[in-house]
Amino acid sequence: MSKQEMSTTGTRQIVVLESEDRISSRLLVEGKEKTLTLAGVTIYNPGGTKIVDGASATTSGSLATFNTTWITANYPIGEGYKASWILEWTDGTGYSKIVLGYFDVVLRRFDSLLSDSDLTYLHPYIALPAGVPDYSSFRLNAWRRIERIIRARFSTYPGNLFYQGDLFDIHLHLSLSGYFMANSFESAGSEDWDKSRHFEQLGMEELETVLSNVAVDVNNPPDGLLTEGEKHFYLGGVELIR
């Protein structure tokens, strides 16, 4: 069994079938993080049948995490698994809070291989803003945006696209858009605002082109095998440019 990267807490979470993977929740009380003293989780399948009852979760500060191997027998591919978290903390007196979360079990993770070195190699003139250690936040935000758009247009998990590499340049340009947008707030009259809008438009135009003809695993559940009938899906009549 392979071990996977965890979905970002607070986003739509996924776990990869037949892998050791994690789901998480965070304790916020009136908008403030609280340090957990104990956490547990009960998991239901999309039909409402209980699969895991009150399993212990690991805690670190306000974060609760449940780690397991998501085997087909218990967790077939599907959307809408429910996690009911019981999160406990103390403020002089012990308190508990129930937090409901939902997650999907998927065949493969929607991943980009764009790296910081790709950004700086192709655009060597860029430099990190003060206090920002690397470009990962710009890359992550751009990738989540691409994921949301694909989910909305196809009503499917983006990891079901066969050629995720077709999104590489789109991811690059939307990451640069976010980078220049961040810079534009630090320098009055800067060109960075125009650069951000330029890369935004370029990325969205490229995304419109890619999504007009894609190969998608349309089997239910997805099987990871590209057939002739899955090679050319046309997404017409959609305007993505902003």
Protein backbone atom coordinates (compact mmCIF):
# COMPACT_ATOMS: atom_id res chain seq x y z
CA MET A 1 0.00 0.00 0.00
CA SER A 2 1.29 3.48 -0.85
CA LYS A 3 1.15 6.48 1.45
CA GLN A 4 -0.39 9.68 0.09
CA GLU A 5 -0.26 13.41 0.68
CA MET A 6 -3.11 14.66 2.85
CA SER A 7 -5.72 17.05 1.46
CA THR A 8 -5.44 20.58 2.82
CA THR A 9 -7.59 20.95 5.93
CA GLY A 10 -10.63 23.10 5.24
CA THR A 11 -10.80 22.21 1.54
CA ARG A 12 -12.83 19.45 -0.11
CA GLN A 13 -10.95 16.38 1.02
CA ILE A 14 -10.22 13.20 -0.89
CA VAL A 15 -8.50 9.93 -0.08
CA VAL A 16 -6.97 7.59 -2.63
CA LEU A 17 -8.29 4.04 -2.88
CA GLU A 18 -5.96 1.26 -1.67
CA SER A 19 -3.58 3.77 -0.11
CA GLU A 20 -2.70 4.86 3.38
CA ASP A 21 -4.25 8.31 3.48
CA ARG A 22 -5.72 10.82 5.92
CA ILE A 23 -8.71 13.04 6.54
CA SER A 24 -8.67 15.92 8.99
CA SER A 25 -10.70 18.52 10.82
CA ARG A 26 -9.81 21.67 12.74
CA LEU A 27 -11.33 22.95 15.97
CA LEU A 28 -12.48 26.55 15.67
CA VAL A 29 -14.61 28.10 18.40
CA GLU A 30 -16.05 31.53 17.58
CA GLY A 31 -13.46 31.80 14.83
CA LYS A 32 -10.50 31.02 17.09
CA GLU A 33 -8.38 27.87 17.09
CA LYS A 34 -8.48 25.79 20.27
CA THR A 35 -5.95 23.20 21.37
CA LEU A 36 -7.51 19.75 21.25
CA THR A 37 -7.34 17.45 24.24
CA LEU A 38 -9.05 14.52 22.51
CA ALA A 39 -10.60 13.71 19.13
CA GLY A 40 -12.53 10.87 17.57
CA VAL A 41 -14.36 10.22 14.32
CA THR A 42 -17.25 8.11 13.05
CA ILE A 43 -17.41 7.47 9.31
CA TYR A 44 -20.47 6.68 7.18
CA ASN A 45 -20.60 5.61 3.54
CA PRO A 46 -22.60 7.71 1.04
CA GLY A 47 -25.68 5.61 1.77
CA GLY A 48 -25.51 6.38 5.49
CA THR A 49 -24.20 3.03 6.72
CA LYS A 50 -21.70 3.33 9.57
CA ILE A 51 -18.24 2.03 8.62
CA VAL A 52 -16.08 3.25 11.51
CA ASP A 53 -17.52 3.91 14.95
CA GLY A 54 -15.75 6.32 17.28
CA ALA A 55 -12.19 5.73 16.09
CA SER A 56 -9.44 7.67 17.84
CA ALA A 57 -7.89 10.53 15.91
CA THR A 58 -4.45 12.01 16.43
CA THR A 59 -4.26 15.63 17.56
CA SER A 60 -1.76 18.44 17.04
CA GLY A 61 -2.84 21.83 18.34
CA SER A 62 -6.26 22.48 16.78
CA LEU A 63 -5.87 19.76 14.12
CA ALA A 64 -7.42 16.29 14.30
CA THR A 65 -6.32 13.62 11.82
CA PHE A 66 -7.58 10.13 11.05
CA ASN A 67 -5.22 7.86 9.15
CA THR A 68 -6.07 4.46 7.66
CA THR A 69 -5.73 2.33 4.53
CA TRP A 70 -8.81 2.91 2.39
CA ILE A 71 -9.46 -0.58 1.02
CA THR A 72 -12.03 -1.30 -1.67
CA ALA A 73 -14.05 -3.67 0.51
CA ASN A 74 -14.93 -0.89 2.96
CA TYR A 75 -14.47 2.24 0.86
CA PRO A 76 -15.39 1.81 -2.81
CA ILE A 77 -14.81 4.83 -5.05
CA GLY A 78 -17.51 7.42 -4.49
CA GLU A 79 -18.47 10.90 -3.34
CA GLY A 80 -20.16 11.94 -0.11
CA TYR A 81 -18.58 9.82 2.63
CA LYS A 82 -19.41 11.50 5.95
CA ALA A 83 -17.03 12.02 8.86
CA SER A 84 -18.60 12.98 12.19
CA TRP A 85 -15.83 14.37 14.39
CA ILE A 86 -16.04 14.74 18.18
CA LEU A 87 -13.50 17.40 19.17
CA GLU A 88 -12.75 18.08 22.84
CA TRP A 89 -10.88 20.95 24.47
CA THR A 90 -10.70 22.70 27.81
CA ASP A 91 -11.06 26.33 28.91
CA GLY A 92 -11.00 25.62 32.63
CA THR A 93 -13.95 23.31 31.96
CA GLY A 94 -14.06 20.50 29.43
CA TYR A 95 -16.00 21.11 26.22
CA SER A 96 -16.81 19.09 23.13
CA LYS A 97 -18.00 19.96 19.66
CA ILE A 98 -19.37 17.79 16.84
CA VAL A 99 -18.07 18.78 13.41
CA LEU A 100 -19.43 17.13 10.25
CA GLY A 101 -17.23 16.78 7.19
CA TYR A 102 -17.57 15.04 3.84
CA PHE A 103 -14.94 13.48 1.62
CA ASP A 104 -14.54 11.44 -1.55
CA VAL A 105 -12.72 8.20 -2.28
CA VAL A 106 -10.93 8.45 -5.64
CA LEU A 107 -8.78 6.36 -7.94
CA ARG A 108 -5.90 8.84 -8.18
CA ARG A 109 -5.07 12.22 -6.72
CA PHE A 110 -5.36 15.39 -8.79
CA ASP A 111 -1.71 16.43 -8.68
CA SER A 112 0.44 18.97 -10.45
CA LEU A 113 4.19 18.49 -10.92
CA LEU A 114 4.84 22.22 -11.25
CA SER A 115 7.67 23.21 -8.90
CA ASP A 116 9.28 26.41 -7.68
CA SER A 117 12.26 25.68 -9.92
CA ASP A 118 9.93 25.59 -12.95
CA LEU A 119 8.67 29.06 -12.06
CA THR A 120 12.11 30.55 -11.55
CA TYR A 121 13.68 28.80 -14.56
CA LEU A 122 11.01 30.05 -16.95
CA HIS A 123 10.73 33.46 -15.25
CA PRO A 124 14.14 34.16 -13.63
CA TYR A 125 13.28 37.80 -12.92
CA ILE A 126 10.75 37.01 -10.16
CA ALA A 127 11.70 37.27 -6.49
CA LEU A 128 9.89 36.22 -3.35
CA PRO A 129 7.97 38.87 -1.40
CA ALA A 130 9.30 39.69 2.06
CA GLY A 131 8.38 37.03 4.60
CA VAL A 132 7.29 34.45 2.00
CA PRO A 133 9.61 31.38 2.12
CA ASP A 134 8.74 29.90 -1.28
CA TYR A 135 6.17 29.92 -4.10
CA SER A 136 4.15 26.96 -2.83
CA SER A 137 1.19 29.05 -1.63
CA PHE A 138 0.76 30.60 -5.09
CA ARG A 139 1.00 27.19 -6.74
CA LEU A 140 -1.42 25.57 -4.29
CA ASN A 141 -4.05 28.31 -4.60
CA ALA A 142 -3.89 28.21 -8.40
CA TRP A 143 -4.22 24.42 -8.49
CA ARG A 144 -7.23 24.43 -6.17
CA ARG A 145 -8.83 27.01 -8.45
CA ILE A 146 -8.30 24.79 -11.49
CA GLU A 147 -9.76 21.86 -9.54
CA ARG A 148 -12.91 23.79 -8.65
CA ILE A 149 -13.47 24.89 -12.25
CA ILE A 150 -13.14 21.34 -13.58
CA ARG A 151 -15.47 19.97 -10.91
CA ALA A 152 -18.06 22.60 -11.79
CA ARG A 153 -17.85 22.05 -15.57
CA PHE A 154 -17.70 18.25 -15.61
CA SER A 155 -19.39 17.31 -12.33
CA THR A 156 -16.54 14.88 -11.80
CA TYR A 157 -13.38 14.69 -9.75
CA PRO A 158 -10.53 16.30 -11.78
CA GLY A 159 -8.28 13.34 -11.08
CA ASN A 160 -10.44 11.46 -13.59
CA LEU A 161 -8.82 13.46 -16.40
CA PHE A 162 -6.19 11.22 -17.98
CA TYR A 163 -3.69 13.86 -19.10
CA GLN A 164 -3.27 16.15 -16.11
CA GLY A 165 0.00 17.32 -17.66
CA ASP A 166 -2.06 19.30 -20.19
CA LEU A 167 -2.77 21.68 -17.31
CA PHE A 168 0.91 22.38 -16.56
CA ASP A 169 1.19 25.73 -18.38
CA ILE A 170 -2.22 26.79 -17.09
CA HIS A 171 -1.05 26.10 -13.56
CA LEU A 172 2.16 28.02 -14.23
CA HIS A 173 0.38 31.11 -15.50
CA LEU A 174 -2.28 31.20 -12.79
CA SER A 175 0.46 30.79 -10.16
CA LEU A 176 2.27 33.78 -11.66
CA SER A 177 -0.98 35.73 -11.64
CA GLY A 178 -1.32 35.11 -7.91
CA TYR A 179 2.32 36.01 -7.33
CA PHE A 180 2.08 39.34 -9.14
CA MET A 181 -1.25 40.10 -7.46
CA ALA A 182 0.43 39.70 -4.06
CA ASN A 183 3.27 42.00 -5.15
CA SER A 184 0.88 44.64 -6.46
CA PHE A 185 -0.33 45.47 -2.93
CA GLU A 186 3.17 46.31 -1.74
CA SER A 187 4.12 48.92 -4.33
CA ALA A 188 1.89 51.84 -5.35
CA GLY A 189 1.71 52.38 -9.09
CA SER A 190 3.38 49.04 -9.72
CA GLU A 191 3.21 47.19 -13.04
CA ASP A 192 2.51 44.03 -11.06
CA TRP A 193 -1.26 44.54 -11.26
CA ASP A 194 -1.11 44.53 -15.06
CA LYS A 195 1.20 41.51 -15.02
CA SER A 196 -1.25 39.67 -12.77
CA ARG A 197 -4.14 40.40 -15.13
CA HIS A 198 -2.02 39.34 -18.12
CA PHE A 199 -1.17 35.94 -16.66
CA GLU A 200 -4.74 35.52 -15.40
CA GLN A 201 -6.13 36.00 -18.90
CA LEU A 202 -3.44 33.82 -20.46
CA GLY A 203 -4.10 30.99 -18.01
CA MET A 204 -7.87 31.11 -18.40
CA GLU A 205 -7.65 31.20 -22.19
CA GLU A 206 -5.41 28.12 -22.09
CA LEU A 207 -7.82 26.40 -19.69
CA GLU A 208 -10.73 27.07 -22.04
CA THR A 209 -8.73 25.48 -24.88
CA VAL A 210 -7.73 22.40 -22.89
CA LEU A 211 -11.25 21.81 -21.54
CA SER A 212 -12.69 21.99 -25.04
CA ASN A 213 -11.21 18.57 -25.83
CA VAL A 214 -10.17 16.31 -22.97
CA ALA A 215 -9.82 12.62 -22.17
CA VAL A 216 -11.91 11.72 -19.12
CA ASP A 217 -12.43 8.44 -17.28
CA VAL A 218 -16.23 8.31 -17.44
CA ASN A 219 -16.65 4.80 -16.06
CA ASN A 220 -18.63 4.44 -12.85
CA PRO A 221 -16.51 3.80 -10.91
CA PRO A 222 -13.44 5.01 -12.82
CA ASP A 223 -11.13 2.20 -13.90
CA GLY A 224 -8.02 4.12 -14.99
CA LEU A 225 -8.09 2.63 -18.50
CA LEU A 226 -8.28 4.98 -21.47
CA THR A 227 -10.70 3.70 -24.10
CA GLU A 228 -11.44 5.13 -27.53
CA GLY A 229 -14.75 6.53 -26.36
CA GLU A 230 -13.11 8.50 -23.55
CA LYS A 231 -10.49 10.33 -25.62
CA HIS A 232 -12.36 13.39 -26.88
CA PHE A 233 -14.89 15.11 -24.67
CA TYR A 234 -15.98 18.51 -25.91
CA LEU A 235 -16.91 21.14 -23.38
CA GLY A 236 -18.68 23.64 -25.55
CA GLY A 237 -20.52 26.83 -24.78
CA VAL A 238 -18.50 27.66 -21.67
CA GLU A 239 -16.82 31.03 -21.23
CA LEU A 240 -13.98 30.84 -18.71
CA ILE A 241 -12.17 34.12 -19.40
CA ARG A 242 -12.58 36.71 -16.64
